[in-house]
Structure formats: C-alpha cells, structure tokens
Amino acid sequence: GLSSGEANTLRVKHLNAAKLGSSKKAYDAYVSMFEENSNDYLAAFRAGEIARSMKNKDDARTWFERALDINPDYVPAQRALSRL
C-alpha cells in the first residue's frame, strides 16, 4: 500500500485535477497520475469520464476497462462502461 505521505500527495493531485473540471488539462492530469501509479483506478475512471465527455468513446472504454482491471468491483466504472 501507499505510505501516509504518498496517500496525501495522491489526494492533493486528485483534488487539483478535479478543479480543472472536464478539460483536456484535467484529462492529462489524470493520465499522468495513472502513469505514475498504475493502481490508481480512480485516475483511470476520471480519465474515462472526461474522454466520454469529449465524445471519445474508444478512449473512455479503454480507461473504464483499466479501472475495472484494477478494481473489478468499482460500480461507477461498471455503470459507465455499460452505458457506452
């Protein structure tokens, strides 16, 4: 697992990316977070949501599937994938 310092850093990164809304900058921030920590299913999920909002269904599907590869029980990603 993550140390408390790593968890806090990750939390701050997620909060900062969330402030960017559904912009390309936010998408890039979530992709970067996932690249730094390939267990960050929330970053993968958010990248998928933003890709979907940008009308990129293939990219969204890829990100939702990545989130579910890490956490198969993550219901928001399950729902999002089923709606594509």
C-alpha atoms as a PDB file:
ATOM      1  CA  GLY A   1       0.000   0.000   0.000  1.00  0.00           C
ATOM      2  CA  LEU A   2       0.843   3.653  -0.010  1.00  0.00           C
ATOM      3  CA  SER A   3       2.554   5.386   2.871  1.00  0.00           C
ATOM      4  CA  SER A   4       0.543   8.159   4.502  1.00  0.00           C
ATOM      5  CA  GLY A   5       2.731  10.743   2.738  1.00  0.00           C
ATOM      6  CA  GLU A   6       2.172   9.096  -0.653  1.00  0.00           C
ATOM      7  CA  ALA A   7      -1.561   8.855   0.002  1.00  0.00           C
ATOM      8  CA  ASN A   8      -1.715  12.546   0.934  1.00  0.00           C
ATOM      9  CA  THR A   9       0.219  13.537  -2.191  1.00  0.00           C
ATOM     10  CA  LEU A  10      -2.126  11.455  -4.339  1.00  0.00           C
ATOM     11  CA  ARG A  11      -5.160  13.014  -2.638  1.00  0.00           C
ATOM     12  CA  VAL A  12      -3.848  16.525  -3.380  1.00  0.00           C
ATOM     13  CA  LYS A  13      -3.193  15.614  -7.026  1.00  0.00           C
ATOM     14  CA  HIS A  14      -6.760  14.300  -7.361  1.00  0.00           C
ATOM     15  CA  LEU A  15      -8.200  17.446  -5.777  1.00  0.00           C
ATOM     16  CA  ASN A  16      -6.157  19.699  -8.065  1.00  0.00           C
ATOM     17  CA  ALA A  17      -7.191  17.735 -11.157  1.00  0.00           C
ATOM     18  CA  ALA A  18     -10.846  17.830 -10.070  1.00  0.00           C
ATOM     19  CA  LYS A  19     -10.671  21.641 -10.008  1.00  0.00           C
ATOM     20  CA  LEU A  20      -9.888  21.523 -13.740  1.00  0.00           C
ATOM     21  CA  GLY A  21     -13.320  20.025 -14.447  1.00  0.00           C
ATOM     22  CA  SER A  22     -13.668  18.054 -17.665  1.00  0.00           C
ATOM     23  CA  SER A  23     -10.985  19.871 -19.603  1.00  0.00           C
ATOM     24  CA  LYS A  24      -8.118  18.472 -21.638  1.00  0.00           C
ATOM     25  CA  LYS A  25      -5.832  19.678 -18.822  1.00  0.00           C
ATOM     26  CA  ALA A  26      -7.797  17.586 -16.324  1.00  0.00           C
ATOM     27  CA  TYR A  27      -7.648  14.577 -18.648  1.00  0.00           C
ATOM     28  CA  ASP A  28      -3.874  14.972 -18.970  1.00  0.00           C
ATOM     29  CA  ALA A  29      -3.548  15.278 -15.172  1.00  0.00           C
ATOM     30  CA  TYR A  30      -5.453  12.030 -14.567  1.00  0.00           C
ATOM     31  CA  VAL A  31      -3.495  10.198 -17.266  1.00  0.00           C
ATOM     32  CA  SER A  32      -0.267  11.417 -15.677  1.00  0.00           C
ATOM     33  CA  MET A  33      -1.420  10.232 -12.244  1.00  0.00           C
ATOM     34  CA  PHE A  34      -2.225   6.816 -13.675  1.00  0.00           C
ATOM     35  CA  GLU A  35       1.165   6.640 -15.364  1.00  0.00           C
ATOM     36  CA  GLU A  36       2.817   7.396 -12.011  1.00  0.00           C
ATOM     37  CA  ASN A  37       0.714   4.825 -10.162  1.00  0.00           C
ATOM     38  CA  SER A  38      -0.824   2.088 -12.290  1.00  0.00           C
ATOM     39  CA  ASN A  39      -3.003   1.016  -9.332  1.00  0.00           C
ATOM     40  CA  ASP A  40      -4.862   4.341  -9.292  1.00  0.00           C
ATOM     41  CA  TYR A  41      -8.210   3.138 -10.600  1.00  0.00           C
ATOM     42  CA  LEU A  42      -9.845   6.446  -9.668  1.00  0.00           C
ATOM     43  CA  ALA A  43      -7.497   8.305 -12.029  1.00  0.00           C
ATOM     44  CA  ALA A  44      -8.297   5.784 -14.764  1.00  0.00           C
ATOM     45  CA  PHE A  45     -12.030   6.204 -14.115  1.00  0.00           C
ATOM     46  CA  ARG A  46     -11.858  10.010 -14.211  1.00  0.00           C
ATOM     47  CA  ALA A  47      -9.803   9.910 -17.430  1.00  0.00           C
ATOM     48  CA  GLY A  48     -12.578   7.722 -18.858  1.00  0.00           C
ATOM     49  CA  GLU A  49     -15.297  10.112 -17.764  1.00  0.00           C
ATOM     50  CA  ILE A  50     -13.514  13.064 -19.341  1.00  0.00           C
ATOM     51  CA  ALA A  51     -12.813  11.114 -22.540  1.00  0.00           C
ATOM     52  CA  ARG A  52     -16.530  10.294 -22.714  1.00  0.00           C
ATOM     53  CA  SER A  53     -17.439  13.957 -22.210  1.00  0.00           C
ATOM     54  CA  MET A  54     -15.090  14.797 -25.098  1.00  0.00           C
ATOM     55  CA  LYS A  55     -17.038  12.272 -27.251  1.00  0.00           C
ATOM     56  CA  ASN A  56     -14.111   9.833 -27.419  1.00  0.00           C
ATOM     57  CA  LYS A  57     -15.901   6.561 -26.643  1.00  0.00           C
ATOM     58  CA  ASP A  58     -12.989   4.292 -27.563  1.00  0.00           C
ATOM     59  CA  ASP A  59     -10.654   6.123 -25.196  1.00  0.00           C
ATOM     60  CA  ALA A  60     -13.331   6.170 -22.492  1.00  0.00           C
ATOM     61  CA  ARG A  61     -13.858   2.413 -22.857  1.00  0.00           C
ATOM     62  CA  THR A  62     -10.103   1.812 -22.516  1.00  0.00           C
ATOM     63  CA  TRP A  63      -9.908   3.858 -19.311  1.00  0.00           C
ATOM     64  CA  PHE A  64     -13.022   2.299 -17.756  1.00  0.00           C
ATOM     65  CA  GLU A  65     -11.628  -1.153 -18.536  1.00  0.00           C
ATOM     66  CA  ARG A  66      -8.297  -0.205 -16.928  1.00  0.00           C
ATOM     67  CA  ALA A  67     -10.127   0.929 -13.792  1.00  0.00           C
ATOM     68  CA  LEU A  68     -12.007  -2.374 -13.671  1.00  0.00           C
ATOM     69  CA  ASP A  69      -8.840  -4.404 -14.267  1.00  0.00           C
ATOM     70  CA  ILE A  70      -7.534  -2.891 -11.026  1.00  0.00           C
ATOM     71  CA  ASN A  71     -10.804  -2.919  -9.075  1.00  0.00           C
ATOM     72  CA  PRO A  72     -13.414  -5.188 -10.703  1.00  0.00           C
ATOM     73  CA  ASP A  73     -15.959  -4.244  -8.023  1.00  0.00           C
ATOM     74  CA  TYR A  74     -15.853  -0.485  -8.725  1.00  0.00           C
ATOM     75  CA  VAL A  75     -19.520   0.115  -9.528  1.00  0.00           C
ATOM     76  CA  PRO A  76     -19.171   3.600 -11.106  1.00  0.00           C
ATOM     77  CA  ALA A  77     -16.788   2.177 -13.729  1.00  0.00           C
ATOM     78  CA  GLN A  78     -19.073  -0.818 -14.295  1.00  0.00           C
ATOM     79  CA  ARG A  79     -22.023   1.508 -14.893  1.00  0.00           C
ATOM     80  CA  ALA A  80     -20.043   3.878 -17.104  1.00  0.00           C
ATOM     81  CA  LEU A  81     -18.782   1.022 -19.264  1.00  0.00           C
ATOM     82  CA  SER A  82     -22.278  -0.418 -19.650  1.00  0.00           C
ATOM     83  CA  ARG A  83     -23.576   2.986 -20.843  1.00  0.00           C
ATOM     84  CA  LEU A  84     -21.069   3.336 -23.692  1.00  0.00           C
END
